[in-house]
Amino acid sequence: MTSEETKHYAVQAVLRAAIREDFVNKLGNLRHSIGTYNRLIRATIPIIKEENLPAKFFILLSFDIGADVKGIIENELLPYTHKNIKLFA
């Protein structure tokens, strides 16, 4: 993936997260977003400090194809960020 493609993915992920704020009332907060490409998997995780406020921070990650992305996010990353939420001040 080129640096231009990476920049494009980051901008698209943040824009999608902003648009999703309209859906928060109907669906709840976005926990994570996963995109699968031919050669890698990209994930966007919003860091939400307070339930009804929009995210101010986003974690953008790349994974190898075949990685247990959902398991890593839900079992390792989300618990770690919730435990250390004060770091995102």
PDB file of N, CA and C in Angstrom:
ATOM      1  N   MET A   1       0.856  -1.174   0.000  1.00  0.00           N
ATOM      2  CA  MET A   1       0.000   0.000   0.000  1.00  0.00           C
ATOM      3  C   MET A   1       0.901   1.236   0.000  1.00  0.00           C
ATOM      4  N   THR A   2       0.633   2.168  -0.887  1.00  0.00           N
ATOM      5  CA  THR A   2       1.447   3.377  -0.992  1.00  0.00           C
ATOM      6  C   THR A   2       1.071   4.369   0.103  1.00  0.00           C
ATOM      7  N   SER A   3       1.902   5.389   0.286  1.00  0.00           N
ATOM      8  CA  SER A   3       1.601   6.406   1.296  1.00  0.00           C
ATOM      9  C   SER A   3       0.348   7.194   0.910  1.00  0.00           C
ATOM     10  N   GLU A   4       0.120   7.374  -0.398  1.00  0.00           N
ATOM     11  CA  GLU A   4      -1.111   8.057  -0.838  1.00  0.00           C
ATOM     12  C   GLU A   4      -2.339   7.237  -0.473  1.00  0.00           C
ATOM     13  N   GLU A   5      -2.272   5.939  -0.681  1.00  0.00           N
ATOM     14  CA  GLU A   5      -3.397   5.066  -0.332  1.00  0.00           C
ATOM     15  C   GLU A   5      -3.641   5.071   1.179  1.00  0.00           C
ATOM     16  N   THR A   6      -2.558   5.086   1.944  1.00  0.00           N
ATOM     17  CA  THR A   6      -2.683   5.137   3.405  1.00  0.00           C
ATOM     18  C   THR A   6      -3.328   6.434   3.846  1.00  0.00           C
ATOM     19  N   LYS A   7      -2.897   7.560   3.269  1.00  0.00           N
ATOM     20  CA  LYS A   7      -3.507   8.855   3.600  1.00  0.00           C
ATOM     21  C   LYS A   7      -4.985   8.859   3.235  1.00  0.00           C
ATOM     22  N   HIS A   8      -5.304   8.331   2.057  1.00  0.00           N
ATOM     23  CA  HIS A   8      -6.699   8.276   1.610  1.00  0.00           C
ATOM     24  C   HIS A   8      -7.531   7.428   2.575  1.00  0.00           C
ATOM     25  N   TYR A   9      -7.007   6.279   2.999  1.00  0.00           N
ATOM     26  CA  TYR A   9      -7.730   5.416   3.937  1.00  0.00           C
ATOM     27  C   TYR A   9      -7.978   6.150   5.254  1.00  0.00           C
ATOM     28  N   ALA A  10      -6.971   6.832   5.773  1.00  0.00           N
ATOM     29  CA  ALA A  10      -7.112   7.540   7.049  1.00  0.00           C
ATOM     30  C   ALA A  10      -8.188   8.621   6.958  1.00  0.00           C
ATOM     31  N   VAL A  11      -8.161   9.402   5.895  1.00  0.00           N
ATOM     32  CA  VAL A  11      -9.165  10.460   5.716  1.00  0.00           C
ATOM     33  C   VAL A  11     -10.556   9.848   5.579  1.00  0.00           C
ATOM     34  N   GLN A  12     -10.683   8.800   4.788  1.00  0.00           N
ATOM     35  CA  GLN A  12     -11.982   8.145   4.605  1.00  0.00           C
ATOM     36  C   GLN A  12     -12.504   7.571   5.918  1.00  0.00           C
ATOM     37  N   ALA A  13     -11.624   6.975   6.712  1.00  0.00           N
ATOM     38  CA  ALA A  13     -12.045   6.381   7.982  1.00  0.00           C
ATOM     39  C   ALA A  13     -12.571   7.446   8.938  1.00  0.00           C
ATOM     40  N   VAL A  14     -11.876   8.571   9.015  1.00  0.00           N
ATOM     41  CA  VAL A  14     -12.317   9.645   9.906  1.00  0.00           C
ATOM     42  C   VAL A  14     -13.617  10.260   9.394  1.00  0.00           C
ATOM     43  N   LEU A  15     -13.738  10.463   8.086  1.00  0.00           N
ATOM     44  CA  LEU A  15     -14.977  11.009   7.534  1.00  0.00           C
ATOM     45  C   LEU A  15     -16.157  10.071   7.776  1.00  0.00           C
ATOM     46  N   ARG A  16     -15.931   8.774   7.583  1.00  0.00           N
ATOM     47  CA  ARG A  16     -17.007   7.806   7.854  1.00  0.00           C
ATOM     48  C   ARG A  16     -17.417   7.847   9.318  1.00  0.00           C
ATOM     49  N   ALA A  17     -16.452   7.982  10.208  1.00  0.00           N
ATOM     50  CA  ALA A  17     -16.764   8.048  11.639  1.00  0.00           C
ATOM     51  C   ALA A  17     -17.588   9.293  11.943  1.00  0.00           C
ATOM     52  N   ALA A  18     -17.259  10.421  11.306  1.00  0.00           N
ATOM     53  CA  ALA A  18     -18.014  11.654  11.536  1.00  0.00           C
ATOM     54  C   ALA A  18     -19.447  11.519  11.024  1.00  0.00           C
ATOM     55  N   ILE A  19     -19.595  10.900   9.867  1.00  0.00           N
ATOM     56  CA  ILE A  19     -20.942  10.698   9.308  1.00  0.00           C
ATOM     57  C   ILE A  19     -21.754   9.763  10.192  1.00  0.00           C
ATOM     58  N   ARG A  20     -21.103   8.795  10.776  1.00  0.00           N
ATOM     59  CA  ARG A  20     -21.799   7.826  11.620  1.00  0.00           C
ATOM     60  C   ARG A  20     -22.402   8.456  12.866  1.00  0.00           C
ATOM     61  N   GLU A  21     -21.930   9.639  13.246  1.00  0.00           N
ATOM     62  CA  GLU A  21     -22.504  10.299  14.422  1.00  0.00           C
ATOM     63  C   GLU A  21     -24.010  10.457  14.273  1.00  0.00           C
ATOM     64  N   ASP A  22     -24.500  10.593  13.031  1.00  0.00           N
ATOM     65  CA  ASP A  22     -25.939  10.683  12.793  1.00  0.00           C
ATOM     66  C   ASP A  22     -26.649   9.398  13.210  1.00  0.00           C
ATOM     67  N   PHE A  23     -25.937   8.285  13.146  1.00  0.00           N
ATOM     68  CA  PHE A  23     -26.538   6.996  13.457  1.00  0.00           C
ATOM     69  C   PHE A  23     -26.435   6.623  14.932  1.00  0.00           C
ATOM     70  N   VAL A  24     -25.673   7.389  15.701  1.00  0.00           N
ATOM     71  CA  VAL A  24     -25.467   7.052  17.108  1.00  0.00           C
ATOM     72  C   VAL A  24     -26.796   6.965  17.845  1.00  0.00           C
ATOM     73  N   ASN A  25     -27.695   7.881  17.584  1.00  0.00           N
ATOM     74  CA  ASN A  25     -28.987   7.851  18.266  1.00  0.00           C
ATOM     75  C   ASN A  25     -29.768   6.586  17.951  1.00  0.00           C
ATOM     76  N   LYS A  26     -29.609   6.071  16.739  1.00  0.00           N
ATOM     77  CA  LYS A  26     -30.355   4.882  16.329  1.00  0.00           C
ATOM     78  C   LYS A  26     -29.632   3.583  16.669  1.00  0.00           C
ATOM     79  N   LEU A  27     -28.325   3.577  16.507  1.00  0.00           N
ATOM     80  CA  LEU A  27     -27.565   2.333  16.604  1.00  0.00           C
ATOM     81  C   LEU A  27     -26.637   2.234  17.803  1.00  0.00           C
ATOM     82  N   GLY A  28     -26.293   3.350  18.408  1.00  0.00           N
ATOM     83  CA  GLY A  28     -25.285   3.352  19.473  1.00  0.00           C
ATOM     84  C   GLY A  28     -23.935   3.748  18.907  1.00  0.00           C
ATOM     85  N   ASN A  29     -22.919   3.801  19.759  1.00  0.00           N
ATOM     86  CA  ASN A  29     -21.584   4.232  19.344  1.00  0.00           C
ATOM     87  C   ASN A  29     -20.867   3.173  18.518  1.00  0.00           C
ATOM     88  N   LEU A  30     -20.079   3.636  17.553  1.00  0.00           N
ATOM     89  CA  LEU A  30     -19.238   2.763  16.748  1.00  0.00           C
ATOM     90  C   LEU A  30     -18.140   2.201  17.638  1.00  0.00           C
ATOM     91  N   ARG A  31     -17.999   0.882  17.662  1.00  0.00           N
ATOM     92  CA  ARG A  31     -16.951   0.255  18.458  1.00  0.00           C
ATOM     93  C   ARG A  31     -15.662   0.108  17.662  1.00  0.00           C
ATOM     94  N   HIS A  32     -15.776  -0.272  16.390  1.00  0.00           N
ATOM     95  CA  HIS A  32     -14.628  -0.352  15.499  1.00  0.00           C
ATOM     96  C   HIS A  32     -15.122  -0.591  14.072  1.00  0.00           C
ATOM     97  N   SER A  33     -14.252  -0.299  13.130  1.00  0.00           N
ATOM     98  CA  SER A  33     -14.556  -0.507  11.718  1.00  0.00           C
ATOM     99  C   SER A  33     -13.398  -1.288  11.110  1.00  0.00           C
ATOM    100  N   ILE A  34     -13.714  -2.327  10.331  1.00  0.00           N
ATOM    101  CA  ILE A  34     -12.677  -3.170   9.737  1.00  0.00           C
ATOM    102  C   ILE A  34     -12.858  -3.180   8.223  1.00  0.00           C
ATOM    103  N   GLY A  35     -11.779  -2.927   7.501  1.00  0.00           N
ATOM    104  CA  GLY A  35     -11.786  -2.994   6.039  1.00  0.00           C
ATOM    105  C   GLY A  35     -10.785  -4.031   5.575  1.00  0.00           C
ATOM    106  N   THR A  36     -11.215  -4.950   4.712  1.00  0.00           N
ATOM    107  CA  THR A  36     -10.340  -6.013   4.218  1.00  0.00           C
ATOM    108  C   THR A  36      -9.948  -5.715   2.778  1.00  0.00           C
ATOM    109  N   TYR A  37      -8.660  -5.676   2.524  1.00  0.00           N
ATOM    110  CA  TYR A  37      -8.107  -5.437   1.201  1.00  0.00           C
ATOM    111  C   TYR A  37      -7.427  -6.713   0.711  1.00  0.00           C
ATOM    112  N   ASN A  38      -6.916  -6.706  -0.489  1.00  0.00           N
ATOM    113  CA  ASN A  38      -6.257  -7.900  -1.028  1.00  0.00           C
ATOM    114  C   ASN A  38      -5.037  -8.315  -0.224  1.00  0.00           C
ATOM    115  N   ARG A  39      -4.271  -7.328   0.258  1.00  0.00           N
ATOM    116  CA  ARG A  39      -3.006  -7.660   0.898  1.00  0.00           C
ATOM    117  C   ARG A  39      -2.912  -7.301   2.374  1.00  0.00           C
ATOM    118  N   LEU A  40      -3.942  -6.668   2.921  1.00  0.00           N
ATOM    119  CA  LEU A  40      -3.912  -6.347   4.346  1.00  0.00           C
ATOM    120  C   LEU A  40      -5.305  -6.027   4.853  1.00  0.00           C
ATOM    121  N   ILE A  41      -5.407  -5.914   6.158  1.00  0.00           N
ATOM    122  CA  ILE A  41      -6.664  -5.547   6.812  1.00  0.00           C
ATOM    123  C   ILE A  41      -6.414  -4.256   7.570  1.00  0.00           C
ATOM    124  N   ARG A  42      -7.302  -3.280   7.421  1.00  0.00           N
ATOM    125  CA  ARG A  42      -7.179  -2.003   8.128  1.00  0.00           C
ATOM    126  C   ARG A  42      -8.320  -1.896   9.124  1.00  0.00           C
ATOM    127  N   ALA A  43      -8.038  -1.326  10.271  1.00  0.00           N
ATOM    128  CA  ALA A  43      -9.065  -1.153  11.298  1.00  0.00           C
ATOM    129  C   ALA A  43      -8.991   0.265  11.846  1.00  0.00           C
ATOM    130  N   THR A  44     -10.159   0.818  12.146  1.00  0.00           N
ATOM    131  CA  THR A  44     -10.281   2.136  12.766  1.00  0.00           C
ATOM    132  C   THR A  44     -11.043   1.952  14.064  1.00  0.00           C
ATOM    133  N   ILE A  45     -10.452   2.443  15.154  1.00  0.00           N
ATOM    134  CA  ILE A  45     -11.084   2.332  16.464  1.00  0.00           C
ATOM    135  C   ILE A  45     -11.205   3.736  17.045  1.00  0.00           C
ATOM    136  N   PRO A  46     -12.437   4.221  17.251  1.00  0.00           N
ATOM    137  CA  PRO A  46     -12.593   5.536  17.879  1.00  0.00           C
ATOM    138  C   PRO A  46     -12.364   5.423  19.379  1.00  0.00           C
ATOM    139  N   ILE A  47     -11.747   6.432  19.960  1.00  0.00           N
ATOM    140  CA  ILE A  47     -11.553   6.488  21.408  1.00  0.00           C
ATOM    141  C   ILE A  47     -12.607   7.451  21.939  1.00  0.00           C
ATOM    142  N   ILE A  48     -13.592   6.912  22.627  1.00  0.00           N
ATOM    143  CA  ILE A  48     -14.715   7.701  23.128  1.00  0.00           C
ATOM    144  C   ILE A  48     -14.599   7.799  24.643  1.00  0.00           C
ATOM    145  N   LYS A  49     -14.375   9.027  25.129  1.00  0.00           N
ATOM    146  CA  LYS A  49     -14.191   9.227  26.566  1.00  0.00           C
ATOM    147  C   LYS A  49     -15.507   9.276  27.325  1.00  0.00           C
ATOM    148  N   GLU A  50     -16.523   9.874  26.729  1.00  0.00           N
ATOM    149  CA  GLU A  50     -17.825   9.978  27.378  1.00  0.00           C
ATOM    150  C   GLU A  50     -18.889   9.506  26.416  1.00  0.00           C
ATOM    151  N   GLU A  51     -19.873   8.796  26.929  1.00  0.00           N
ATOM    152  CA  GLU A  51     -20.875   8.078  26.127  1.00  0.00           C
ATOM    153  C   GLU A  51     -21.500   8.903  25.011  1.00  0.00           C
ATOM    154  N   ASN A  52     -21.923  10.106  25.261  1.00  0.00           N
ATOM    155  CA  ASN A  52     -22.666  10.871  24.259  1.00  0.00           C
ATOM    156  C   ASN A  52     -21.832  11.921  23.542  1.00  0.00           C
ATOM    157  N   LEU A  53     -20.525  11.855  23.667  1.00  0.00           N
ATOM    158  CA  LEU A  53     -19.651  12.812  22.987  1.00  0.00           C
ATOM    159  C   LEU A  53     -18.960  12.138  21.808  1.00  0.00           C
ATOM    160  N   PRO A  54     -18.659  12.895  20.755  1.00  0.00           N
ATOM    161  CA  PRO A  54     -17.955  12.290  19.611  1.00  0.00           C
ATOM    162  C   PRO A  54     -16.504  11.962  19.973  1.00  0.00           C
ATOM    163  N   ALA A  55     -15.933  11.050  19.224  1.00  0.00           N
ATOM    164  CA  ALA A  55     -14.542  10.664  19.443  1.00  0.00           C
ATOM    165  C   ALA A  55     -13.612  11.811  19.043  1.00  0.00           C
ATOM    166  N   LYS A  56     -12.576  12.016  19.845  1.00  0.00           N
ATOM    167  CA  LYS A  56     -11.554  13.009  19.508  1.00  0.00           C
ATOM    168  C   LYS A  56     -10.285  12.332  18.997  1.00  0.00           C
ATOM    169  N   PHE A  57     -10.146  11.050  19.280  1.00  0.00           N
ATOM    170  CA  PHE A  57      -8.976  10.288  18.867  1.00  0.00           C
ATOM    171  C   PHE A  57      -9.434   9.037  18.128  1.00  0.00           C
ATOM    172  N   PHE A  58      -8.637   8.622  17.145  1.00  0.00           N
ATOM    173  CA  PHE A  58      -8.897   7.400  16.399  1.00  0.00           C
ATOM    174  C   PHE A  58      -7.594   6.621  16.302  1.00  0.00           C
ATOM    175  N   ILE A  59      -7.669   5.331  16.501  1.00  0.00           N
ATOM    176  CA  ILE A  59      -6.521   4.458  16.296  1.00  0.00           C
ATOM    177  C   ILE A  59      -6.703   3.813  14.928  1.00  0.00           C
ATOM    178  N   LEU A  60      -5.714   3.971  14.061  1.00  0.00           N
ATOM    179  CA  LEU A  60      -5.739   3.383  12.724  1.00  0.00           C
ATOM    180  C   LEU A  60      -4.675   2.292  12.684  1.00  0.00           C
ATOM    181  N   LEU A  61      -5.081   1.054  12.408  1.00  0.00           N
ATOM    182  CA  LEU A  61      -4.164  -0.074  12.451  1.00  0.00           C
ATOM    183  C   LEU A  61      -4.175  -0.844  11.137  1.00  0.00           C
ATOM    184  N   SER A  62      -3.062  -1.502  10.849  1.00  0.00           N
ATOM    185  CA  SER A  62      -2.965  -2.417   9.717  1.00  0.00           C
ATOM    186  C   SER A  62      -2.621  -3.800  10.255  1.00  0.00           C
ATOM    187  N   PHE A  63      -3.260  -4.829   9.694  1.00  0.00           N
ATOM    188  CA  PHE A  63      -3.030  -6.208  10.098  1.00  0.00           C
ATOM    189  C   PHE A  63      -2.705  -7.040   8.867  1.00  0.00           C
ATOM    190  N   ASP A  64      -1.973  -8.125   9.078  1.00  0.00           N
ATOM    191  CA  ASP A  64      -1.741  -9.090   8.005  1.00  0.00           C
ATOM    192  C   ASP A  64      -3.040  -9.828   7.713  1.00  0.00           C
ATOM    193  N   ILE A  65      -3.202 -10.227   6.456  1.00  0.00           N
ATOM    194  CA  ILE A  65      -4.343 -11.068   6.084  1.00  0.00           C
ATOM    195  C   ILE A  65      -4.268 -12.341   6.925  1.00  0.00           C
ATOM    196  N   GLY A  66      -5.396 -12.774   7.434  1.00  0.00           N
ATOM    197  CA  GLY A  66      -5.439 -13.991   8.240  1.00  0.00           C
ATOM    198  C   GLY A  66      -5.331 -13.744   9.732  1.00  0.00           C
ATOM    199  N   ALA A  67      -5.037 -12.501  10.137  1.00  0.00           N
ATOM    200  CA  ALA A  67      -4.955 -12.188  11.567  1.00  0.00           C
ATOM    201  C   ALA A  67      -6.352 -12.200  12.180  1.00  0.00           C
ATOM    202  N   ASP A  68      -6.433 -12.501  13.448  1.00  0.00           N
ATOM    203  CA  ASP A  68      -7.705 -12.481  14.178  1.00  0.00           C
ATOM    204  C   ASP A  68      -7.991 -11.041  14.606  1.00  0.00           C
ATOM    205  N   VAL A  69      -8.329 -10.202  13.645  1.00  0.00           N
ATOM    206  CA  VAL A  69      -8.485  -8.769  13.878  1.00  0.00           C
ATOM    207  C   VAL A  69      -9.560  -8.485  14.925  1.00  0.00           C
ATOM    208  N   LYS A  70     -10.738  -9.076  14.746  1.00  0.00           N
ATOM    209  CA  LYS A  70     -11.835  -8.830  15.685  1.00  0.00           C
ATOM    210  C   LYS A  70     -11.449  -9.263  17.090  1.00  0.00           C
ATOM    211  N   GLY A  71     -10.814 -10.410  17.237  1.00  0.00           N
ATOM    212  CA  GLY A  71     -10.378 -10.889  18.543  1.00  0.00           C
ATOM    213  C   GLY A  71      -9.344  -9.967  19.179  1.00  0.00           C
ATOM    214  N   ILE A  72      -8.380  -9.519  18.384  1.00  0.00           N
ATOM    215  CA  ILE A  72      -7.352  -8.611  18.898  1.00  0.00           C
ATOM    216  C   ILE A  72      -7.984  -7.307  19.366  1.00  0.00           C
ATOM    217  N   ILE A  73      -8.882  -6.758  18.554  1.00  0.00           N
ATOM    218  CA  ILE A  73      -9.529  -5.493  18.909  1.00  0.00           C
ATOM    219  C   ILE A  73     -10.383  -5.656  20.162  1.00  0.00           C
ATOM    220  N   GLU A  74     -11.267  -6.644  20.165  1.00  0.00           N
ATOM    221  CA  GLU A  74     -12.222  -6.783  21.260  1.00  0.00           C
ATOM    222  C   GLU A  74     -11.612  -7.337  22.544  1.00  0.00           C
ATOM    223  N   ASN A  75     -10.616  -8.212  22.435  1.00  0.00           N
ATOM    224  CA  ASN A  75     -10.062  -8.845  23.630  1.00  0.00           C
ATOM    225  C   ASN A  75      -8.811  -8.186  24.176  1.00  0.00           C
ATOM    226  N   GLU A  76      -8.124  -7.404  23.354  1.00  0.00           N
ATOM    227  CA  GLU A  76      -6.879  -6.787  23.806  1.00  0.00           C
ATOM    228  C   GLU A  76      -6.911  -5.262  23.742  1.00  0.00           C
ATOM    229  N   LEU A  77      -7.212  -4.721  22.564  1.00  0.00           N
ATOM    230  CA  LEU A  77      -7.117  -3.279  22.369  1.00  0.00           C
ATOM    231  C   LEU A  77      -8.197  -2.496  23.112  1.00  0.00           C
ATOM    232  N   LEU A  78      -9.471  -2.871  22.944  1.00  0.00           N
ATOM    233  CA  LEU A  78     -10.548  -2.136  23.613  1.00  0.00           C
ATOM    234  C   LEU A  78     -10.430  -2.189  25.138  1.00  0.00           C
ATOM    235  N   PRO A  79     -10.184  -3.361  25.743  1.00  0.00           N
ATOM    236  CA  PRO A  79     -10.006  -3.361  27.203  1.00  0.00           C
ATOM    237  C   PRO A  79      -8.834  -2.484  27.650  1.00  0.00           C
ATOM    238  N   TYR A  80      -7.736  -2.495  26.878  1.00  0.00           N
ATOM    239  CA  TYR A  80      -6.580  -1.672  27.230  1.00  0.00           C
ATOM    240  C   TYR A  80      -6.923  -0.184  27.150  1.00  0.00           C
ATOM    241  N   THR A  81      -7.606   0.242  26.078  1.00  0.00           N
ATOM    242  CA  THR A  81      -7.933   1.666  25.968  1.00  0.00           C
ATOM    243  C   THR A  81      -8.943   2.095  27.012  1.00  0.00           C
ATOM    244  N   HIS A  82      -9.901   1.233  27.336  1.00  0.00           N
ATOM    245  CA  HIS A  82     -10.879   1.581  28.399  1.00  0.00           C
ATOM    246  C   HIS A  82     -10.177   1.705  29.745  1.00  0.00           C
ATOM    247  N   LYS A  83      -9.252   0.815  30.008  1.00  0.00           N
ATOM    248  CA  LYS A  83      -8.505   0.839  31.276  1.00  0.00           C
ATOM    249  C   LYS A  83      -7.628   2.089  31.376  1.00  0.00           C
ATOM    250  N   ASN A  84      -7.118   2.560  30.255  1.00  0.00           N
ATOM    251  CA  ASN A  84      -6.189   3.698  30.239  1.00  0.00           C
ATOM    252  C   ASN A  84      -6.783   4.929  29.568  1.00  0.00           C
ATOM    253  N   ILE A  85      -8.079   5.114  29.660  1.00  0.00           N
ATOM    254  CA  ILE A  85      -8.772   6.205  28.975  1.00  0.00           C
ATOM    255  C   ILE A  85      -8.240   7.579  29.389  1.00  0.00           C
ATOM    256  N   LYS A  86      -7.706   7.690  30.578  1.00  0.00           N
ATOM    257  CA  LYS A  86      -7.169   8.981  31.056  1.00  0.00           C
ATOM    258  C   LYS A  86      -5.980   9.449  30.227  1.00  0.00           C
ATOM    259  N   LEU A  87      -5.310   8.535  29.532  1.00  0.00           N
ATOM    260  CA  LEU A  87      -4.187   8.922  28.680  1.00  0.00           C
ATOM    261  C   LEU A  87      -4.623   9.752  27.479  1.00  0.00           C
ATOM    262  N   PHE A  88      -5.907   9.693  27.146  1.00  0.00           N
ATOM    263  CA  PHE A  88      -6.437  10.387  25.981  1.00  0.00           C
ATOM    264  C   PHE A  88      -7.072  11.711  26.370  1.00  0.00           C
ATOM    265  N   ALA A  89      -6.423  12.456  27.230  1.00  0.00           N
ATOM    266  CA  ALA A  89      -6.968  13.745  27.702  1.00  0.00           C
ATOM    267  C   ALA A  89      -6.644  14.846  26.729  1.00  0.00           C
TER     268      ALA A  89
END
